[in-house]
Each structure stands twice: as structure tokens, then as C-alpha cells.
Amino acid sequence: MLNVLVVYCHPCENSFTNSIKNSFVKGLEDAGHTYVISDLYKEGFNPVMSESEYMREGFYRLDMNVSPDVIREQERINASDAIVFIYPDFWTASPAMLEGWFQRVWTYGFAYGDSPKMKVLDKALFLITMGGSLNDEIRKEQLEAMKTIMVGDRIRNRAKECEVYVFDQMTRGYGNDNNRNERIERFSVKAYEIAKSLQ
């Protein structure tokens, strides 16, 4: 059984992304995994790096304090075997809240530096909801760009395995409405199965 940290980032409970999160958590429960959810919006995580934080990071100052909310996230990471990011694609990026999470939580001495204290996780997963269609070449290119950032840079050697799942064509309108409910059901089952098969 795994200890899983779910980093969830969406501003609205009435969203497809929230459905994916709920289905994923149900899969974790049914598989007997334990989990903690960092719900960045509900917990009011501050994504803005302060001047003192920049001074610590920019000048590699281990003598400067790390904020309690950042320490909480780092402790959650080191108590986990796997980390799962669930969020929507906003303009080929994650929401600003999650961008700030990485910028503040991936601190010098924890995620990088000569002797980082962040454990090497067994798994890192990304469950990304997308309005556009992966049938479009431009969306495929955007996905590869996102993988370069999230997998290649932010996870890199911080997890033994990394997987990215995209649930596309989920925007309202643009010809998606007729089949959207069917995709919600199908993708929710997929999220559940991903969680339940974690090992």
C-alpha cells in the first residue's frame, strides 16, 4: 500500500477537474492506499514568492527561514511514496496557484542543492484536464511542452517513475457539448482505475 500526496489545484468545485479528483481518491480508498490532499485553493495556499524567499533562493541562503506553509507541504511530500498533481491546463500551463506552489515549495536545500532533503518518490503522476482535443496537432505540441516543464524539469530525478494522463475535449461549447457527459463518465472511470492500480 502507498502513502499518496494529492496536490489538487482548481478554483471551482463544480468542475470536471473536481470529478477527476473525486474519482481518483475513490480509487485510492478502494485499493487501500492512504492519502493526503493539498487542496491549494481551499487551504488558501499563497503562491506569491516574497522578497525574503527570493533572497533565500537566489543567494542559496540556508540560514534564512522557510515559511510554515512551505514546510507543511515539504513534510507532506516526505511522508509520501507518491505524489499526484490534478489540475486543468490553462494556456499550456498549470494554474498560477500551482506554478507558485512549485516556486515556493521546491526550495534550496529541499528539492535542489548539494544535499537536498526531499526524498526520491516512487511515483509522480499528472492528471491534467484539457479543453482542447489531442486530435489537433497544436494540442499534441502543447502537451509535449508541458511534459518538458513538469516531468523534465520539476520532477526530473525526484521520482523513480513519472506518468502523465490528459483528459481532453472537456471545455463547454466548441462542439463538445453533445459528447461531454459521456467523456466525463469515461474519464472518471479512467481516473479511478489509475488510482486503484497504483503499486
Protein backbone atom coordinates (compact mmCIF):
# COMPACT_ATOMS: atom_id res chain seq x y z
CA MET A 1 0.00 0.00 0.00
CA LEU A 2 1.17 3.52 -0.77
CA ASN A 3 1.02 6.83 1.03
CA VAL A 4 -0.10 9.30 -1.63
CA LEU A 5 0.00 13.08 -1.66
CA VAL A 6 -2.62 14.56 -4.00
CA VAL A 7 -1.84 18.15 -4.95
CA TYR A 8 -5.14 19.45 -6.27
CA CYS A 9 -5.49 22.82 -7.95
CA HIS A 10 -8.80 24.12 -9.27
CA PRO A 11 -10.80 27.17 -8.15
CA CYS A 12 -14.27 25.66 -8.66
CA GLU A 13 -15.96 22.64 -7.09
CA ASN A 14 -18.43 22.45 -9.98
CA SER A 15 -15.80 21.33 -12.46
CA PHE A 16 -14.76 18.30 -14.43
CA THR A 17 -11.35 18.51 -12.73
CA ASN A 18 -13.04 18.10 -9.35
CA SER A 19 -14.84 15.00 -10.67
CA ILE A 20 -11.50 13.55 -11.73
CA LYS A 21 -10.07 14.24 -8.27
CA ASN A 22 -13.02 12.61 -6.53
CA SER A 23 -12.85 9.51 -8.75
CA PHE A 24 -9.10 9.24 -8.22
CA VAL A 25 -9.49 9.47 -4.43
CA LYS A 26 -12.22 6.79 -4.51
CA GLY A 27 -9.78 4.53 -6.36
CA LEU A 28 -7.12 5.15 -3.73
CA GLU A 29 -9.57 4.27 -0.97
CA ASP A 30 -10.76 1.10 -2.68
CA ALA A 31 -7.15 -0.01 -3.22
CA GLY A 32 -6.36 0.53 0.47
CA HIS A 33 -3.88 3.37 -0.11
CA THR A 34 -3.61 6.20 2.39
CA TYR A 35 -3.65 9.75 1.11
CA VAL A 36 -3.46 13.43 1.98
CA ILE A 37 -4.93 16.13 -0.24
CA SER A 38 -3.24 19.50 -0.58
CA ASP A 39 -6.20 21.45 -1.96
CA LEU A 40 -4.39 24.64 -2.82
CA TYR A 41 -7.46 26.83 -3.23
CA LYS A 42 -9.37 25.51 -0.20
CA GLU A 43 -6.31 25.74 2.01
CA GLY A 44 -5.55 29.24 0.75
CA PHE A 45 -2.00 28.45 -0.30
CA ASN A 46 -0.10 31.63 -1.08
CA PRO A 47 1.55 31.22 -4.50
CA VAL A 48 3.48 34.51 -4.35
CA MET A 49 7.18 34.33 -3.53
CA SER A 50 8.18 37.02 -1.04
CA GLU A 51 11.30 39.13 -1.22
CA SER A 52 12.84 37.21 1.69
CA GLU A 53 12.09 33.92 -0.07
CA TYR A 54 13.75 35.21 -3.20
CA MET A 55 16.79 36.25 -1.17
CA ARG A 56 16.97 32.73 0.27
CA GLU A 57 16.59 31.04 -3.11
CA GLY A 58 18.56 33.49 -5.24
CA PHE A 59 21.53 33.58 -2.92
CA TYR A 60 21.34 29.98 -1.62
CA ARG A 61 20.91 31.12 1.97
CA LEU A 62 20.20 28.09 4.12
CA ASP A 63 20.40 30.31 7.21
CA MET A 64 17.14 32.04 6.22
CA ASN A 65 13.83 30.60 7.43
CA VAL A 66 11.35 28.66 5.29
CA SER A 67 7.69 29.68 5.72
CA PRO A 68 5.44 27.35 7.77
CA ASP A 69 3.06 26.74 4.85
CA VAL A 70 6.00 25.63 2.69
CA ILE A 71 7.36 23.40 5.47
CA ARG A 72 3.91 21.78 5.75
CA GLU A 73 3.97 20.88 2.04
CA GLN A 74 7.52 19.58 2.23
CA GLU A 75 6.63 17.39 5.21
CA ARG A 76 3.65 16.03 3.29
CA ILE A 77 5.94 15.17 0.40
CA ASN A 78 8.50 13.37 2.57
CA ALA A 79 5.74 11.39 4.28
CA SER A 80 4.54 10.09 0.89
CA ASP A 81 5.53 7.36 -1.53
CA ALA A 82 3.84 9.00 -4.48
CA ILE A 83 2.74 12.48 -5.48
CA VAL A 84 -0.17 13.17 -7.83
CA PHE A 85 -0.94 16.53 -9.40
CA ILE A 86 -4.52 17.09 -10.57
CA TYR A 87 -5.23 20.36 -12.36
CA PRO A 88 -6.58 21.94 -15.55
CA ASP A 89 -4.49 23.11 -18.48
CA PHE A 90 -4.60 26.92 -18.50
CA TRP A 91 -2.88 28.31 -21.62
CA THR A 92 -0.40 25.41 -21.83
CA ALA A 93 0.44 25.70 -18.15
CA SER A 94 -0.95 24.80 -14.76
CA PRO A 95 -2.98 27.41 -12.83
CA ALA A 96 -0.93 30.22 -11.27
CA MET A 97 -1.58 28.73 -7.83
CA LEU A 98 0.28 25.53 -8.77
CA GLU A 99 3.05 27.43 -10.55
CA GLY A 100 3.60 29.32 -7.30
CA TRP A 101 3.47 26.09 -5.31
CA PHE A 102 6.47 24.76 -7.22
CA GLN A 103 8.33 28.05 -6.97
CA ARG A 104 7.87 28.21 -3.20
CA VAL A 105 7.95 24.51 -2.20
CA TRP A 106 10.88 23.41 -4.37
CA THR A 107 13.31 25.27 -2.10
CA TYR A 108 17.07 25.24 -2.00
CA GLY A 109 18.17 22.53 0.42
CA PHE A 110 14.92 20.62 -0.08
CA ALA A 111 14.35 19.98 -3.79
CA TYR A 112 17.75 21.03 -5.07
CA GLY A 113 21.24 21.95 -3.90
CA ASP A 114 24.23 19.93 -2.77
CA SER A 115 22.31 17.71 -0.31
CA PRO A 116 18.56 18.07 -0.92
CA LYS A 117 16.33 16.70 1.85
CA MET A 118 13.44 15.79 -0.44
CA LYS A 119 13.05 12.03 -0.67
CA VAL A 120 13.07 10.32 -4.06
CA LEU A 121 9.45 9.34 -4.52
CA ASP A 122 8.41 6.03 -6.04
CA LYS A 123 5.95 7.68 -8.41
CA ALA A 124 4.83 11.06 -9.71
CA LEU A 125 1.60 11.33 -11.68
CA PHE A 126 -0.01 14.21 -13.52
CA LEU A 127 -3.75 14.12 -14.24
CA ILE A 128 -4.44 17.11 -16.48
CA THR A 129 -7.82 18.20 -17.79
CA MET A 130 -7.81 19.99 -21.13
CA GLY A 131 -10.45 21.88 -23.06
CA GLY A 132 -8.95 21.24 -26.49
CA SER A 133 -8.59 17.99 -28.39
CA LEU A 134 -5.45 15.88 -28.59
CA ASN A 135 -6.54 15.09 -32.12
CA ASP A 136 -5.22 18.55 -33.01
CA GLU A 137 -1.52 18.78 -33.75
CA ILE A 138 -1.15 22.02 -31.81
CA ARG A 139 -2.51 20.34 -28.65
CA LYS A 140 -0.04 17.48 -29.03
CA GLU A 141 2.78 20.01 -29.27
CA GLN A 142 1.48 21.86 -26.22
CA LEU A 143 1.34 18.61 -24.26
CA GLU A 144 4.97 17.88 -25.10
CA ALA A 145 5.88 21.37 -23.88
CA MET A 146 4.04 20.74 -20.61
CA LYS A 147 5.84 17.41 -20.18
CA THR A 148 9.20 19.12 -20.69
CA ILE A 149 8.42 21.51 -17.84
CA MET A 150 6.63 19.21 -15.41
CA VAL A 151 8.43 15.91 -15.98
CA GLY A 152 11.77 17.03 -17.36
CA ASP A 153 12.40 19.95 -15.03
CA ARG A 154 10.18 19.82 -11.95
CA ILE A 155 10.14 16.07 -11.33
CA ARG A 156 13.29 15.03 -13.17
CA ASN A 157 15.15 12.75 -10.72
CA ARG A 158 12.80 13.42 -7.80
CA ALA A 159 10.69 10.33 -8.58
CA LYS A 160 11.61 6.89 -9.89
CA GLU A 161 8.64 6.81 -12.28
CA CYS A 162 6.52 9.55 -13.79
CA GLU A 163 3.32 9.31 -15.82
CA VAL A 164 1.14 11.95 -17.46
CA TYR A 165 -2.54 11.48 -18.24
CA VAL A 166 -4.60 14.03 -20.16
CA PHE A 167 -8.39 14.15 -20.23
CA ASP A 168 -9.18 16.26 -23.27
CA GLN A 169 -12.14 17.89 -25.09
CA MET A 170 -13.67 18.95 -21.81
CA THR A 171 -14.43 22.61 -22.50
CA ARG A 172 -18.05 23.62 -22.78
CA GLY A 173 -19.10 24.61 -26.28
CA TYR A 174 -16.83 24.29 -29.32
CA GLY A 175 -18.76 21.21 -30.42
CA ASN A 176 -18.00 19.29 -27.22
CA ASP A 177 -21.41 19.52 -25.53
CA ASN A 178 -23.01 16.54 -27.26
CA ASN A 179 -20.38 14.09 -26.09
CA ARG A 180 -19.14 15.81 -22.92
CA ASN A 181 -21.22 13.78 -20.46
CA GLU A 182 -20.03 10.52 -21.99
CA ARG A 183 -16.42 11.66 -21.69
CA ILE A 184 -16.94 12.77 -18.09
CA GLU A 185 -18.15 9.29 -17.22
CA ARG A 186 -15.42 7.54 -19.20
CA PHE A 187 -12.61 9.71 -17.89
CA SER A 188 -13.84 9.44 -14.31
CA VAL A 189 -13.66 5.66 -14.60
CA LYS A 190 -10.14 6.01 -16.02
CA ALA A 191 -9.03 8.19 -13.09
CA TYR A 192 -10.48 5.65 -10.67
CA GLU A 193 -8.63 2.80 -12.40
CA ILE A 194 -5.33 4.71 -12.41
CA ALA A 195 -5.57 5.15 -8.65
CA LYS A 196 -6.72 1.63 -7.91
CA SER A 197 -3.88 0.10 -9.93
CA LEU A 198 -1.14 2.14 -8.23
CA GLN A 199 1.55 -0.04 -6.70
